[in-house]
Amino acid sequence: MLKIITPFLLIVLSTLLSSCSIGKTSSRFYSIAPLAVQTSHARPNLSLGVGPIQIPRLLRRPQLIVRKSPTEIDLVEEHQWGGSLREDLSNAFTDNLAILLGTEHVETYPWKHNTKPTYQVRINIEQLDGDLGKTVTLKARWRLLQNNRVIKVKHPTIQVAVKGKDYNAYVKAQSEVIYRLSQEIAGSI
């Protein structure tokens, strides 16, 4: 009896397991990219510290977030950040600002003990999401300090149209709003 049941169970189990993998989509991974291009505007003696960069708990997860309405969001399981969004943002801001300001002296927070940047920008991201195929919105609050004294505080909302209906276009639009905020910050230094 056991000899008859064992092959039958193996067939049933293999059928069940193979049917679980049918239709399963694989995950795709993304990262925020710096978009600044080299300019002739050089300020080699300028030093800037970028950070800390704060992001809300909602953005501290691997899934991309799409806003379905002002009160409803969608966590997209099959489209995720390739690493830490906070690190991607920090790298994008640092690279963008170094290029826009024409200086190599841009450090990410926390900087080395012996580094004391003349300027520091602290960024609090409040919203970085949007509607797939439509717009991406960035709401942020940033402070510019010079020699540890606050010299400017801004609270912009930046929107960019998504040029496509896929998630790659959505993340490119997110990179664009980060670049535009970088331009705003660089223009204040």
Protein backbone atom coordinates (compact mmCIF):
# COMPACT_ATOMS: atom_id res chain seq x y z
CA MET A 1 0.00 0.00 0.00
CA LEU A 2 2.81 2.44 0.91
CA LYS A 3 4.55 1.65 -2.42
CA ILE A 4 1.43 2.77 -4.34
CA ILE A 5 0.83 5.93 -2.30
CA THR A 6 4.45 7.20 -2.44
CA PRO A 7 4.65 7.62 -6.26
CA PHE A 8 1.19 9.16 -6.25
CA LEU A 9 2.21 11.71 -3.58
CA LEU A 10 5.39 12.56 -5.48
CA ILE A 11 3.39 13.26 -8.65
CA VAL A 12 0.88 15.42 -6.76
CA LEU A 13 3.62 17.36 -4.94
CA SER A 14 5.66 18.01 -8.09
CA THR A 15 2.52 19.20 -9.90
CA LEU A 16 1.67 21.56 -7.05
CA LEU A 17 5.20 22.94 -6.83
CA SER A 18 5.48 23.51 -10.58
CA SER A 19 2.11 25.26 -10.70
CA CYS A 20 3.29 27.66 -7.96
CA SER A 21 6.10 28.92 -10.17
CA ILE A 22 3.93 29.44 -13.26
CA GLY A 23 3.02 33.08 -13.70
CA LYS A 24 5.44 34.25 -11.02
CA THR A 25 7.12 37.47 -12.11
CA SER A 26 10.70 38.23 -11.27
CA SER A 27 11.62 41.37 -9.37
CA ARG A 28 13.28 44.34 -11.05
CA PHE A 29 15.63 46.65 -9.18
CA TYR A 30 16.28 50.40 -9.53
CA SER A 31 18.40 53.22 -8.14
CA ILE A 32 18.32 57.02 -8.13
CA ALA A 33 20.93 58.39 -10.52
CA PRO A 34 22.77 61.73 -10.43
CA LEU A 35 21.92 63.79 -13.53
CA ALA A 36 24.20 66.83 -13.33
CA VAL A 37 26.55 67.43 -16.24
CA GLN A 38 29.95 69.09 -16.02
CA THR A 39 29.87 72.88 -16.15
CA SER A 40 32.62 75.44 -16.66
CA HIS A 41 31.67 77.05 -13.32
CA ALA A 42 34.52 75.99 -10.99
CA ARG A 43 34.79 76.78 -7.29
CA PRO A 44 37.64 74.50 -6.23
CA ASN A 45 38.02 76.03 -2.74
CA LEU A 46 34.37 75.57 -1.77
CA SER A 47 33.65 72.79 0.73
CA LEU A 48 30.19 71.35 1.34
CA GLY A 49 28.85 68.67 3.65
CA VAL A 50 25.68 66.89 2.49
CA GLY A 51 23.51 65.50 5.23
CA PRO A 52 22.09 64.17 7.26
CA ILE A 53 19.36 63.19 4.83
CA GLN A 54 16.13 62.11 6.50
CA ILE A 55 13.42 60.08 4.80
CA PRO A 56 10.04 59.05 6.20
CA ARG A 57 9.40 55.48 7.32
CA LEU A 58 7.24 54.96 4.24
CA LEU A 59 10.34 55.30 2.03
CA ARG A 60 12.53 53.06 4.19
CA ARG A 61 11.33 49.89 2.52
CA PRO A 62 12.59 48.09 -0.58
CA GLN A 63 9.45 48.43 -2.71
CA LEU A 64 8.80 51.34 -5.05
CA ILE A 65 5.85 53.40 -3.90
CA VAL A 66 3.18 54.66 -6.26
CA ARG A 67 0.49 57.05 -5.11
CA LYS A 68 -3.00 55.98 -6.18
CA SER A 69 -4.75 58.92 -4.50
CA PRO A 70 -3.88 61.55 -1.87
CA THR A 71 -4.59 58.95 0.84
CA GLU A 72 -3.78 55.62 -0.86
CA ILE A 73 -0.42 54.21 -1.89
CA ASP A 74 0.69 51.02 -3.57
CA LEU A 75 3.84 49.15 -2.51
CA VAL A 76 5.00 47.50 -5.73
CA GLU A 77 6.55 44.16 -4.73
CA GLU A 78 8.04 43.30 -8.13
CA HIS A 79 9.75 46.70 -8.51
CA GLN A 80 12.21 47.48 -5.73
CA TRP A 81 15.19 49.62 -4.85
CA GLY A 82 18.46 47.86 -5.56
CA GLY A 83 19.91 49.07 -2.26
CA SER A 84 19.18 51.66 0.37
CA LEU A 85 17.13 54.59 -0.97
CA ARG A 86 18.72 56.88 1.64
CA GLU A 87 22.21 55.95 0.36
CA ASP A 88 21.11 56.44 -3.26
CA LEU A 89 19.73 59.87 -2.38
CA SER A 90 22.89 60.81 -0.51
CA ASN A 91 25.09 59.74 -3.44
CA ALA A 92 22.89 61.52 -6.01
CA PHE A 93 22.84 64.78 -4.01
CA THR A 94 26.60 64.61 -3.40
CA ASP A 95 27.44 63.93 -7.07
CA ASN A 96 24.95 66.49 -8.40
CA LEU A 97 26.17 69.22 -6.03
CA ALA A 98 29.87 68.52 -6.67
CA ILE A 99 29.31 68.91 -10.41
CA LEU A 100 26.94 71.89 -10.15
CA LEU A 101 29.27 73.75 -7.77
CA GLY A 102 32.47 72.78 -9.59
CA THR A 103 34.23 71.41 -6.52
CA GLU A 104 35.63 68.08 -5.42
CA HIS A 105 35.20 69.01 -1.75
CA VAL A 106 31.73 67.61 -1.18
CA GLU A 107 31.41 65.10 1.65
CA THR A 108 28.53 62.92 2.75
CA TYR A 109 27.35 62.87 6.33
CA PRO A 110 28.88 61.75 8.62
CA TRP A 111 32.13 63.26 7.39
CA LYS A 112 35.55 62.49 8.74
CA HIS A 113 36.52 63.96 12.10
CA ASN A 114 39.12 66.28 10.60
CA THR A 115 36.72 67.55 7.88
CA LYS A 116 34.89 70.79 8.64
CA PRO A 117 32.96 71.90 5.55
CA THR A 118 32.28 75.62 5.17
CA TYR A 119 28.71 74.85 4.10
CA GLN A 120 26.38 72.07 5.14
CA VAL A 121 23.00 71.18 3.68
CA ARG A 122 20.56 69.12 5.74
CA ILE A 123 17.72 67.58 3.77
CA ASN A 124 14.46 66.15 5.06
CA ILE A 125 12.53 64.34 2.32
CA GLU A 126 8.82 64.39 3.20
CA GLN A 127 7.43 62.85 0.01
CA LEU A 128 9.02 61.17 -3.00
CA ASP A 129 6.36 59.36 -4.98
CA GLY A 130 3.90 59.86 -7.77
CA ASP A 131 1.48 58.42 -10.22
CA LEU A 132 2.93 55.94 -12.73
CA GLY A 133 2.87 57.46 -16.21
CA LYS A 134 1.86 60.90 -14.91
CA THR A 135 3.95 62.87 -12.38
CA VAL A 136 6.48 62.41 -9.59
CA THR A 137 6.34 64.73 -6.58
CA LEU A 138 9.16 65.62 -4.21
CA LYS A 139 8.37 67.54 -1.04
CA ALA A 140 11.42 68.39 1.00
CA ARG A 141 12.66 70.75 3.65
CA TRP A 142 16.30 71.75 3.47
CA ARG A 143 18.57 73.96 5.55
CA LEU A 144 21.79 75.54 4.44
CA LEU A 145 24.35 76.24 7.14
CA GLN A 146 27.55 78.26 6.85
CA ASN A 147 30.07 77.67 9.62
CA ASN A 148 27.32 75.92 11.65
CA ARG A 149 24.91 78.88 11.35
CA VAL A 150 21.61 78.50 9.45
CA ILE A 151 21.57 80.92 6.52
CA LYS A 152 18.66 79.58 4.48
CA VAL A 153 15.63 77.32 4.98
CA LYS A 154 13.39 76.20 2.09
CA HIS A 155 10.40 73.90 1.76
CA PRO A 156 9.91 73.25 -1.97
CA THR A 157 7.49 70.98 -3.77
CA ILE A 158 8.90 69.87 -7.10
CA GLN A 159 6.92 67.95 -9.71
CA VAL A 160 8.16 66.32 -12.90
CA ALA A 161 6.20 64.59 -15.64
CA VAL A 162 6.97 60.89 -16.05
CA LYS A 163 8.09 60.34 -19.66
CA GLY A 164 6.71 56.84 -20.12
CA LYS A 165 4.34 54.40 -18.52
CA ASP A 166 6.89 52.00 -17.02
CA TYR A 167 8.76 51.93 -13.72
CA ASN A 168 12.10 52.80 -15.32
CA ALA A 169 10.59 56.11 -16.53
CA TYR A 170 9.09 56.60 -13.05
CA VAL A 171 12.52 56.24 -11.37
CA LYS A 172 14.12 58.53 -13.98
CA ALA A 173 11.53 61.17 -13.03
CA GLN A 174 12.46 60.65 -9.37
CA SER A 175 16.12 61.22 -10.31
CA GLU A 176 15.03 64.39 -12.12
CA VAL A 177 13.28 65.86 -9.04
CA ILE A 178 16.40 65.13 -6.97
CA TYR A 179 18.48 66.93 -9.61
CA ARG A 180 16.14 69.94 -9.57
CA LEU A 181 16.39 70.14 -5.78
CA SER A 182 20.18 69.92 -6.15
CA GLN A 183 20.05 72.88 -8.56
CA GLU A 184 17.99 74.89 -6.06
CA ILE A 185 20.48 74.15 -3.28
CA ALA A 186 23.51 74.92 -5.48
CA GLY A 187 21.94 78.24 -6.49
CA SER A 188 21.84 79.26 -2.83
CA ILE A 189 25.54 78.69 -2.18
